Each structure stands twice: as structure tokens, then as C-alpha cells.
PDB file of N, CA and C in Angstrom:
ATOM      1  N   UNK A   1      75.361  36.933 268.255  1.00  0.00           N
ATOM      2  CA  UNK A   1      76.038  37.728 267.255  1.00  0.00           C
ATOM      3  C   UNK A   1      75.786  39.205 267.568  1.00  0.00           C
ATOM      4  N   UNK A   2      76.854  40.010 267.540  1.00  0.00           N
ATOM      5  CA  UNK A   2      76.752  41.432 267.817  1.00  0.00           C
ATOM      6  C   UNK A   2      76.406  42.239 266.590  1.00  0.00           C
ATOM      7  N   UNK A   3      76.423  43.542 266.768  1.00  0.00           N
ATOM      8  CA  UNK A   3      76.137  44.450 265.656  1.00  0.00           C
ATOM      9  C   UNK A   3      77.260  45.462 265.540  1.00  0.00           C
ATOM     10  N   UNK A   4      77.398  45.986 264.319  1.00  0.00           N
ATOM     11  CA  UNK A   4      78.425  46.966 264.011  1.00  0.00           C
ATOM     12  C   UNK A   4      77.752  48.205 263.437  1.00  0.00           C
ATOM     13  N   UNK A   5      78.195  49.386 263.857  1.00  0.00           N
ATOM     14  CA  UNK A   5      77.732  50.642 263.269  1.00  0.00           C
ATOM     15  C   UNK A   5      78.858  51.197 262.415  1.00  0.00           C
ATOM     16  N   UNK A   6      78.519  51.589 261.188  1.00  0.00           N
ATOM     17  CA  UNK A   6      79.522  52.120 260.265  1.00  0.00           C
ATOM     18  C   UNK A   6      79.038  53.431 259.662  1.00  0.00           C
ATOM     19  N   UNK A   7      79.921  54.409 259.645  1.00  0.00           N
ATOM     20  CA  UNK A   7      79.651  55.660 258.929  1.00  0.00           C
ATOM     21  C   UNK A   7      80.200  55.474 257.519  1.00  0.00           C
ATOM     22  N   UNK A   8      79.321  55.550 256.530  1.00  0.00           N
ATOM     23  CA  UNK A   8      79.707  55.292 255.145  1.00  0.00           C
ATOM     24  C   UNK A   8      79.502  56.567 254.327  1.00  0.00           C
ATOM     25  N   UNK A   9      80.566  57.065 253.732  1.00  0.00           N
ATOM     26  CA  UNK A   9      80.500  58.304 252.939  1.00  0.00           C
ATOM     27  C   UNK A   9      80.040  57.971 251.526  1.00  0.00           C
ATOM     28  N   UNK A  10      78.927  58.584 251.128  1.00  0.00           N
ATOM     29  CA  UNK A  10      78.358  58.375 249.794  1.00  0.00           C
ATOM     30  C   UNK A  10      78.472  59.688 249.028  1.00  0.00           C
ATOM     31  N   UNK A  11      79.273  59.666 247.962  1.00  0.00           N
ATOM     32  CA  UNK A  11      79.462  60.859 247.136  1.00  0.00           C
ATOM     33  C   UNK A  11      78.497  60.826 245.960  1.00  0.00           C
ATOM     34  N   UNK A  12      77.669  61.870 245.810  1.00  0.00           N
ATOM     35  CA  UNK A  12      76.785  61.942 244.646  1.00  0.00           C
ATOM     36  C   UNK A  12      77.593  62.297 243.394  1.00  0.00           C
ATOM     37  N   UNK A  13      77.007  62.019 242.218  1.00  0.00           N
ATOM     38  CA  UNK A  13      77.703  62.280 240.963  1.00  0.00           C
ATOM     39  C   UNK A  13      77.903  63.767 240.692  1.00  0.00           C
ATOM     40  N   UNK A  14      77.006  64.621 241.199  1.00  0.00           N
ATOM     41  CA  UNK A  14      77.125  66.055 240.945  1.00  0.00           C
ATOM     42  C   UNK A  14      76.399  66.844 242.034  1.00  0.00           C
ATOM     43  N   UNK A  15      76.646  68.151 242.103  1.00  0.00           N
ATOM     44  CA  UNK A  15      75.943  68.982 243.083  1.00  0.00           C
ATOM     45  C   UNK A  15      74.442  69.093 242.808  1.00  0.00           C
ATOM     46  N   UNK A  16      74.005  68.751 241.602  1.00  0.00           N
ATOM     47  CA  UNK A  16      72.595  68.861 241.231  1.00  0.00           C
ATOM     48  C   UNK A  16      71.740  67.700 241.738  1.00  0.00           C
ATOM     49  N   UNK A  17      72.346  66.662 242.283  1.00  0.00           N
ATOM     50  CA  UNK A  17      71.593  65.493 242.760  1.00  0.00           C
ATOM     51  C   UNK A  17      70.736  65.900 243.962  1.00  0.00           C
ATOM     52  N   UNK A  18      69.466  65.510 243.939  1.00  0.00           N
ATOM     53  CA  UNK A  18      68.541  65.771 245.046  1.00  0.00           C
ATOM     54  C   UNK A  18      68.912  64.835 246.203  1.00  0.00           C
ATOM     55  N   UNK A  19      69.475  65.399 247.269  1.00  0.00           N
ATOM     56  CA  UNK A  19      69.983  64.575 248.375  1.00  0.00           C
ATOM     57  C   UNK A  19      68.870  63.888 249.158  1.00  0.00           C
ATOM     58  N   UNK A  20      67.701  64.526 249.279  1.00  0.00           N
ATOM     59  CA  UNK A  20      66.583  63.881 249.979  1.00  0.00           C
ATOM     60  C   UNK A  20      66.134  62.629 249.232  1.00  0.00           C
ATOM     61  N   UNK A  21      66.058  62.738 247.900  1.00  0.00           N
ATOM     62  CA  UNK A  21      65.689  61.587 247.077  1.00  0.00           C
ATOM     63  C   UNK A  21      66.759  60.501 247.161  1.00  0.00           C
ATOM     64  N   UNK A  22      68.024  60.912 247.166  1.00  0.00           N
ATOM     65  CA  UNK A  22      69.125  59.949 247.257  1.00  0.00           C
ATOM     66  C   UNK A  22      69.080  59.214 248.599  1.00  0.00           C
ATOM     67  N   UNK A  23      68.764  59.924 249.689  1.00  0.00           N
ATOM     68  CA  UNK A  23      68.628  59.274 250.999  1.00  0.00           C
ATOM     69  C   UNK A  23      67.563  58.173 250.937  1.00  0.00           C
ATOM     70  N   UNK A  24      66.421  58.486 250.329  1.00  0.00           N
ATOM     71  CA  UNK A  24      65.342  57.492 250.212  1.00  0.00           C
ATOM     72  C   UNK A  24      65.797  56.279 249.420  1.00  0.00           C
ATOM     73  N   UNK A  25      66.488  56.511 248.310  1.00  0.00           N
ATOM     74  CA  UNK A  25      66.940  55.394 247.476  1.00  0.00           C
ATOM     75  C   UNK A  25      67.995  54.544 248.179  1.00  0.00           C
ATOM     76  N   UNK A  26      68.845  55.178 248.983  1.00  0.00           N
ATOM     77  CA  UNK A  26      69.834  54.417 249.750  1.00  0.00           C
ATOM     78  C   UNK A  26      69.137  53.518 250.765  1.00  0.00           C
ATOM     79  N   UNK A  27      68.121  54.055 251.451  1.00  0.00           N
ATOM     80  CA  UNK A  27      67.378  53.250 252.431  1.00  0.00           C
ATOM     81  C   UNK A  27      66.690  52.058 251.769  1.00  0.00           C
ATOM     82  N   UNK A  28      66.154  52.263 250.573  1.00  0.00           N
ATOM     83  CA  UNK A  28      65.458  51.187 249.862  1.00  0.00           C
ATOM     84  C   UNK A  28      66.420  50.124 249.344  1.00  0.00           C
ATOM     85  N   UNK A  29      67.691  50.466 249.174  1.00  0.00           N
ATOM     86  CA  UNK A  29      68.669  49.528 248.614  1.00  0.00           C
ATOM     87  C   UNK A  29      69.312  48.623 249.661  1.00  0.00           C
ATOM     88  N   UNK A  30      69.044  48.864 250.939  1.00  0.00           N
ATOM     89  CA  UNK A  30      69.723  48.124 252.004  1.00  0.00           C
ATOM     90  C   UNK A  30      69.483  46.616 251.917  1.00  0.00           C
ATOM     91  N   UNK A  31      70.539  45.830 252.122  1.00  0.00           N
ATOM     92  CA  UNK A  31      70.353  44.376 252.191  1.00  0.00           C
ATOM     93  C   UNK A  31      69.630  44.003 253.489  1.00  0.00           C
ATOM     94  N   UNK A  32      69.098  42.799 253.522  1.00  0.00           N
ATOM     95  CA  UNK A  32      68.375  42.313 254.697  1.00  0.00           C
ATOM     96  C   UNK A  32      69.277  42.320 255.928  1.00  0.00           C
ATOM     97  N   UNK A  33      68.731  42.768 257.051  1.00  0.00           N
ATOM     98  CA  UNK A  33      69.478  42.791 258.309  1.00  0.00           C
ATOM     99  C   UNK A  33      70.188  44.103 258.586  1.00  0.00           C
ATOM    100  N   UNK A  34      70.248  44.988 257.588  1.00  0.00           N
ATOM    101  CA  UNK A  34      70.913  46.281 257.775  1.00  0.00           C
ATOM    102  C   UNK A  34      69.868  47.373 257.912  1.00  0.00           C
ATOM    103  N   UNK A  35      70.220  48.413 258.671  1.00  0.00           N
ATOM    104  CA  UNK A  35      69.316  49.553 258.781  1.00  0.00           C
ATOM    105  C   UNK A  35      70.127  50.827 258.934  1.00  0.00           C
ATOM    106  N   UNK A  36      69.540  51.936 258.485  1.00  0.00           N
ATOM    107  CA  UNK A  36      70.200  53.231 258.604  1.00  0.00           C
ATOM    108  C   UNK A  36      69.703  53.903 259.871  1.00  0.00           C
ATOM    109  N   UNK A  37      70.651  54.358 260.671  1.00  0.00           N
ATOM    110  CA  UNK A  37      70.336  54.988 261.946  1.00  0.00           C
ATOM    111  C   UNK A  37      70.622  56.489 261.884  1.00  0.00           C
ATOM    112  N   UNK A  38      70.288  57.123 260.750  1.00  0.00           N
ATOM    113  CA  UNK A  38      70.473  58.559 260.595  1.00  0.00           C
ATOM    114  C   UNK A  38      71.460  58.917 259.501  1.00  0.00           C
ATOM    115  N   UNK A  39      71.317  60.162 259.005  1.00  0.00           N
ATOM    116  CA  UNK A  39      72.193  60.692 257.966  1.00  0.00           C
ATOM    117  C   UNK A  39      72.857  61.971 258.444  1.00  0.00           C
ATOM    118  N   UNK A  40      74.118  62.137 258.081  1.00  0.00           N
ATOM    119  CA  UNK A  40      74.816  63.413 258.220  1.00  0.00           C
ATOM    120  C   UNK A  40      75.146  63.878 256.810  1.00  0.00           C
ATOM    121  N   UNK A  41      75.426  65.166 256.678  1.00  0.00           N
ATOM    122  CA  UNK A  41      75.837  65.713 255.386  1.00  0.00           C
ATOM    123  C   UNK A  41      77.167  66.418 255.577  1.00  0.00           C
ATOM    124  N   UNK A  42      78.055  66.254 254.590  1.00  0.00           N
ATOM    125  CA  UNK A  42      79.393  66.825 254.656  1.00  0.00           C
ATOM    126  C   UNK A  42      79.636  67.676 253.414  1.00  0.00           C
ATOM    127  N   UNK A  43      79.804  68.996 253.601  1.00  0.00           N
ATOM    128  CA  UNK A  43      80.120  69.881 252.481  1.00  0.00           C
ATOM    129  C   UNK A  43      81.527  69.553 252.003  1.00  0.00           C
ATOM    130  N   UNK A  44      81.631  69.129 250.744  1.00  0.00           N
ATOM    131  CA  UNK A  44      82.931  68.714 250.222  1.00  0.00           C
ATOM    132  C   UNK A  44      83.619  69.889 249.538  1.00  0.00           C
ATOM    133  N   UNK A  45      83.052  70.380 248.423  1.00  0.00           N
ATOM    134  CA  UNK A  45      83.624  71.514 247.708  1.00  0.00           C
ATOM    135  C   UNK A  45      82.707  71.928 246.575  1.00  0.00           C
ATOM    136  N   UNK A  46      82.700  73.216 246.277  1.00  0.00           N
ATOM    137  CA  UNK A  46      81.976  73.752 245.128  1.00  0.00           C
ATOM    138  C   UNK A  46      80.518  73.303 245.073  1.00  0.00           C
ATOM    139  N   UNK A  47      79.841  73.293 246.215  1.00  0.00           N
ATOM    140  CA  UNK A  47      78.432  72.925 246.263  1.00  0.00           C
ATOM    141  C   UNK A  47      78.178  71.432 246.349  1.00  0.00           C
ATOM    142  N   UNK A  48      79.218  70.611 246.276  1.00  0.00           N
ATOM    143  CA  UNK A  48      79.049  69.160 246.369  1.00  0.00           C
ATOM    144  C   UNK A  48      78.931  68.764 247.841  1.00  0.00           C
ATOM    145  N   UNK A  49      77.889  68.010 248.165  1.00  0.00           N
ATOM    146  CA  UNK A  49      77.629  67.579 249.538  1.00  0.00           C
ATOM    147  C   UNK A  49      77.570  66.054 249.576  1.00  0.00           C
ATOM    148  N   UNK A  50      78.359  65.444 250.434  1.00  0.00           N
ATOM    149  CA  UNK A  50      78.353  63.993 250.602  1.00  0.00           C
ATOM    150  C   UNK A  50      77.342  63.615 251.678  1.00  0.00           C
ATOM    151  N   UNK A  51      76.688  62.480 251.486  1.00  0.00           N
ATOM    152  CA  UNK A  51      75.817  61.915 252.518  1.00  0.00           C
ATOM    153  C   UNK A  51      76.635  60.933 253.342  1.00  0.00           C
ATOM    154  N   UNK A  52      76.417  60.942 254.647  1.00  0.00           N
ATOM    155  CA  UNK A  52      77.113  59.986 255.515  1.00  0.00           C
ATOM    156  C   UNK A  52      76.072  59.288 256.381  1.00  0.00           C
ATOM    157  N   UNK A  53      75.499  58.195 255.856  1.00  0.00           N
ATOM    158  CA  UNK A  53      74.562  57.436 256.678  1.00  0.00           C
ATOM    159  C   UNK A  53      75.318  56.596 257.713  1.00  0.00           C
ATOM    160  N   UNK A  54      74.733  56.473 258.901  1.00  0.00           N
ATOM    161  CA  UNK A  54      75.249  55.537 259.903  1.00  0.00           C
ATOM    162  C   UNK A  54      74.435  54.264 259.745  1.00  0.00           C
ATOM    163  N   UNK A  55      75.112  53.199 259.344  1.00  0.00           N
ATOM    164  CA  UNK A  55      74.450  51.942 259.027  1.00  0.00           C
ATOM    165  C   UNK A  55      74.767  50.923 260.106  1.00  0.00           C
ATOM    166  N   UNK A  56      73.731  50.246 260.602  1.00  0.00           N
ATOM    167  CA  UNK A  56      73.901  49.191 261.600  1.00  0.00           C
ATOM    168  C   UNK A  56      73.714  47.849 260.893  1.00  0.00           C
ATOM    169  N   UNK A  57      74.738  46.985 261.004  1.00  0.00           N
ATOM    170  CA  UNK A  57      74.706  45.667 260.355  1.00  0.00           C
ATOM    171  C   UNK A  57      75.124  44.597 261.356  1.00  0.00           C
ATOM    172  N   UNK A  58      74.692  43.346 261.129  1.00  0.00           N
ATOM    173  CA  UNK A  58      75.152  42.249 261.985  1.00  0.00           C
ATOM    174  C   UNK A  58      76.664  42.064 261.850  1.00  0.00           C
ATOM    175  N   UNK A  59      77.301  41.685 262.931  1.00  0.00           N
ATOM    176  CA  UNK A  59      78.750  41.469 262.945  1.00  0.00           C
ATOM    177  C   UNK A  59      79.060  40.049 262.475  1.00  0.00           C
ATOM    178  N   UNK A  60      79.048  39.869 261.146  1.00  0.00           N
ATOM    179  CA  UNK A  60      79.385  38.554 260.602  1.00  0.00           C
ATOM    180  C   UNK A  60      80.499  38.705 259.573  1.00  0.00           C
ATOM    181  N   UNK A  61      80.768  37.665 258.831  1.00  0.00           N
ATOM    182  CA  UNK A  61      81.913  37.616 257.933  1.00  0.00           C
ATOM    183  C   UNK A  61      81.948  38.741 256.902  1.00  0.00           C
ATOM    184  N   UNK A  62      80.803  39.154 256.373  1.00  0.00           N
ATOM    185  CA  UNK A  62      80.784  40.157 255.313  1.00  0.00           C
ATOM    186  C   UNK A  62      80.928  41.588 255.787  1.00  0.00           C
ATOM    187  N   UNK A  63      80.575  41.864 257.028  1.00  0.00           N
ATOM    188  CA  UNK A  63      80.653  43.220 257.556  1.00  0.00           C
ATOM    189  C   UNK A  63      79.811  44.192 256.750  1.00  0.00           C
ATOM    190  N   UNK A  64      80.417  45.286 256.329  1.00  0.00           N
ATOM    191  CA  UNK A  64      79.696  46.319 255.584  1.00  0.00           C
ATOM    192  C   UNK A  64      79.751  46.121 254.075  1.00  0.00           C
ATOM    193  N   UNK A  65      80.390  45.083 253.629  1.00  0.00           N
ATOM    194  CA  UNK A  65      80.599  44.871 252.191  1.00  0.00           C
ATOM    195  C   UNK A  65      79.299  44.850 251.391  1.00  0.00           C
ATOM    196  N   UNK A  66      78.274  44.159 251.873  1.00  0.00           N
ATOM    197  CA  UNK A  66      76.993  44.087 251.153  1.00  0.00           C
ATOM    198  C   UNK A  66      76.332  45.459 251.064  1.00  0.00           C
ATOM    199  N   UNK A  67      76.453  46.245 252.121  1.00  0.00           N
ATOM    200  CA  UNK A  67      75.873  47.592 252.118  1.00  0.00           C
ATOM    201  C   UNK A  67      76.632  48.480 251.129  1.00  0.00           C
ATOM    202  N   UNK A  68      77.947  48.397 251.139  1.00  0.00           N
ATOM    203  CA  UNK A  68      78.752  49.185 250.201  1.00  0.00           C
ATOM    204  C   UNK A  68      78.379  48.869 248.752  1.00  0.00           C
ATOM    205  N   UNK A  69      78.234  47.591 248.438  1.00  0.00           N
ATOM    206  CA  UNK A  69      77.860  47.180 247.084  1.00  0.00           C
ATOM    207  C   UNK A  69      76.464  47.684 246.726  1.00  0.00           C
ATOM    208  N   UNK A  70      75.523  47.589 247.661  1.00  0.00           N
ATOM    209  CA  UNK A  70      74.153  48.053 247.408  1.00  0.00           C
ATOM    210  C   UNK A  70      74.139  49.561 247.158  1.00  0.00           C
ATOM    211  N   UNK A  71      74.865  50.310 247.972  1.00  0.00           N
ATOM    212  CA  UNK A  71      74.920  51.763 247.789  1.00  0.00           C
ATOM    213  C   UNK A  71      75.573  52.128 246.453  1.00  0.00           C
ATOM    214  N   UNK A  72      76.601  51.397 246.051  1.00  0.00           N
ATOM    215  CA  UNK A  72      77.292  51.672 244.787  1.00  0.00           C
ATOM    216  C   UNK A  72      76.377  51.495 243.578  1.00  0.00           C
ATOM    217  N   UNK A  73      75.383  50.632 243.701  1.00  0.00           N
ATOM    218  CA  UNK A  73      74.464  50.355 242.592  1.00  0.00           C
ATOM    219  C   UNK A  73      73.323  51.361 242.484  1.00  0.00           C
ATOM    220  N   UNK A  74      73.197  52.274 243.438  1.00  0.00           N
ATOM    221  CA  UNK A  74      72.115  53.268 243.422  1.00  0.00           C
ATOM    222  C   UNK A  74      72.442  54.344 242.389  1.00  0.00           C
ATOM    223  N   UNK A  75      71.431  54.761 241.608  1.00  0.00           N
ATOM    224  CA  UNK A  75      71.616  55.832 240.625  1.00  0.00           C
ATOM    225  C   UNK A  75      72.107  57.101 241.307  1.00  0.00           C
ATOM    226  N   UNK A  76      72.956  57.852 240.625  1.00  0.00           N
ATOM    227  CA  UNK A  76      73.507  59.135 241.066  1.00  0.00           C
ATOM    228  C   UNK A  76      74.588  59.012 242.135  1.00  0.00           C
ATOM    229  N   UNK A  77      75.059  57.792 242.439  1.00  0.00           N
ATOM    230  CA  UNK A  77      76.145  57.612 243.409  1.00  0.00           C
ATOM    231  C   UNK A  77      77.460  57.479 242.654  1.00  0.00           C
ATOM    232  N   UNK A  78      78.406  58.358 242.977  1.00  0.00           N
ATOM    233  CA  UNK A  78      79.719  58.348 242.348  1.00  0.00           C
ATOM    234  C   UNK A  78      80.662  57.366 243.049  1.00  0.00           C
ATOM    235  N   UNK A  79      80.702  57.441 244.396  1.00  0.00           N
ATOM    236  CA  UNK A  79      81.598  56.560 245.143  1.00  0.00           C
ATOM    237  C   UNK A  79      81.069  56.321 246.552  1.00  0.00           C
ATOM    238  N   UNK A  80      81.557  55.231 247.148  1.00  0.00           N
ATOM    239  CA  UNK A  80      81.155  54.824 248.494  1.00  0.00           C
ATOM    240  C   UNK A  80      82.417  54.427 249.249  1.00  0.00           C
ATOM    241  N   UNK A  81      82.577  54.945 250.471  1.00  0.00           N
ATOM    242  CA  UNK A  81      83.729  54.553 251.274  1.00  0.00           C
ATOM    243  C   UNK A  81      83.348  54.520 252.756  1.00  0.00           C
ATOM    244  N   UNK A  82      83.906  53.572 253.463  1.00  0.00           N
ATOM    245  CA  UNK A  82      83.650  53.446 254.898  1.00  0.00           C
ATOM    246  C   UNK A  82      84.569  54.434 255.623  1.00  0.00           C
ATOM    247  N   UNK A  83      83.959  55.306 256.420  1.00  0.00           N
ATOM    248  CA  UNK A  83      84.716  56.315 257.159  1.00  0.00           C
ATOM    249  C   UNK A  83      85.074  55.859 258.564  1.00  0.00           C
ATOM    250  N   UNK A  84      84.166  55.124 259.226  1.00  0.00           N
ATOM    251  CA  UNK A  84      84.378  54.729 260.616  1.00  0.00           C
ATOM    252  C   UNK A  84      83.540  53.495 260.922  1.00  0.00           C
ATOM    253  N   UNK A  85      84.063  52.593 261.723  1.00  0.00           N
ATOM    254  CA  UNK A  85      83.346  51.380 262.106  1.00  0.00           C
ATOM    255  C   UNK A  85      83.553  51.143 263.596  1.00  0.00           C
ATOM    256  N   UNK A  86      82.466  50.736 264.269  1.00  0.00           N
ATOM    257  CA  UNK A  86      82.570  50.421 265.693  1.00  0.00           C
ATOM    258  C   UNK A  86      81.534  49.410 266.109  1.00  0.00           C
ATOM    259  N   UNK A  87      81.829  48.651 267.147  1.00  0.00           N
ATOM    260  CA  UNK A  87      80.879  47.664 267.665  1.00  0.00           C
ATOM    261  C   UNK A  87      79.842  48.346 268.543  1.00  0.00           C
ATOM    262  N   UNK A  88      78.635  47.792 268.533  1.00  0.00           N
ATOM    263  CA  UNK A  88      77.578  48.297 269.416  1.00  0.00           C
ATOM    264  C   UNK A  88      77.497  47.438 270.649  1.00  0.00           C
TER     265      UNK A  88
END
């Protein structure tokens, strides 16, 4: 079974959210078998900054769905969307 790397855009609820703390909480929320291989930050508008973790997951039936659901359940997360996916 191969692996897939996905860039997932995580929008915080407001510009006041502590992004370092949010990164830690996202890492702790990962389902089994997934890992974060780094974070990028994207200035969106008016001080709002999105986190874009690169997540590596096994290439099976669910893909990134479990990670998306886990990230959506983290406090201070407004929305989650997959930006890019590729095989490793």
C-alpha cells in the first residue's frame, strides 16, 4: 500500500487564534497512520492567516477524509479543505 501527501487548508475562526497552539492541536487530532510533514501559512485577508499542513496518509479507501473530519472537530477551526493531493 502506498502513501499520499495532501496539502489541507485549515481556516481559523478569527485572526485572534494562536496559530502555534492550533498547529499543536491539529497534530494531536490526527487519526492513526497519518502524520504532518510540515506547516505553511497563507495570508488570506485582514490579518487572517490559514494554516496549510502537509499530511501524509496511507493510500486506502478513505484517503484524507478521516484527517479532514479530525481537523474540523478541533476548537477554533472554521473550515477545512484539501488544496492538493499527490502520491509519494
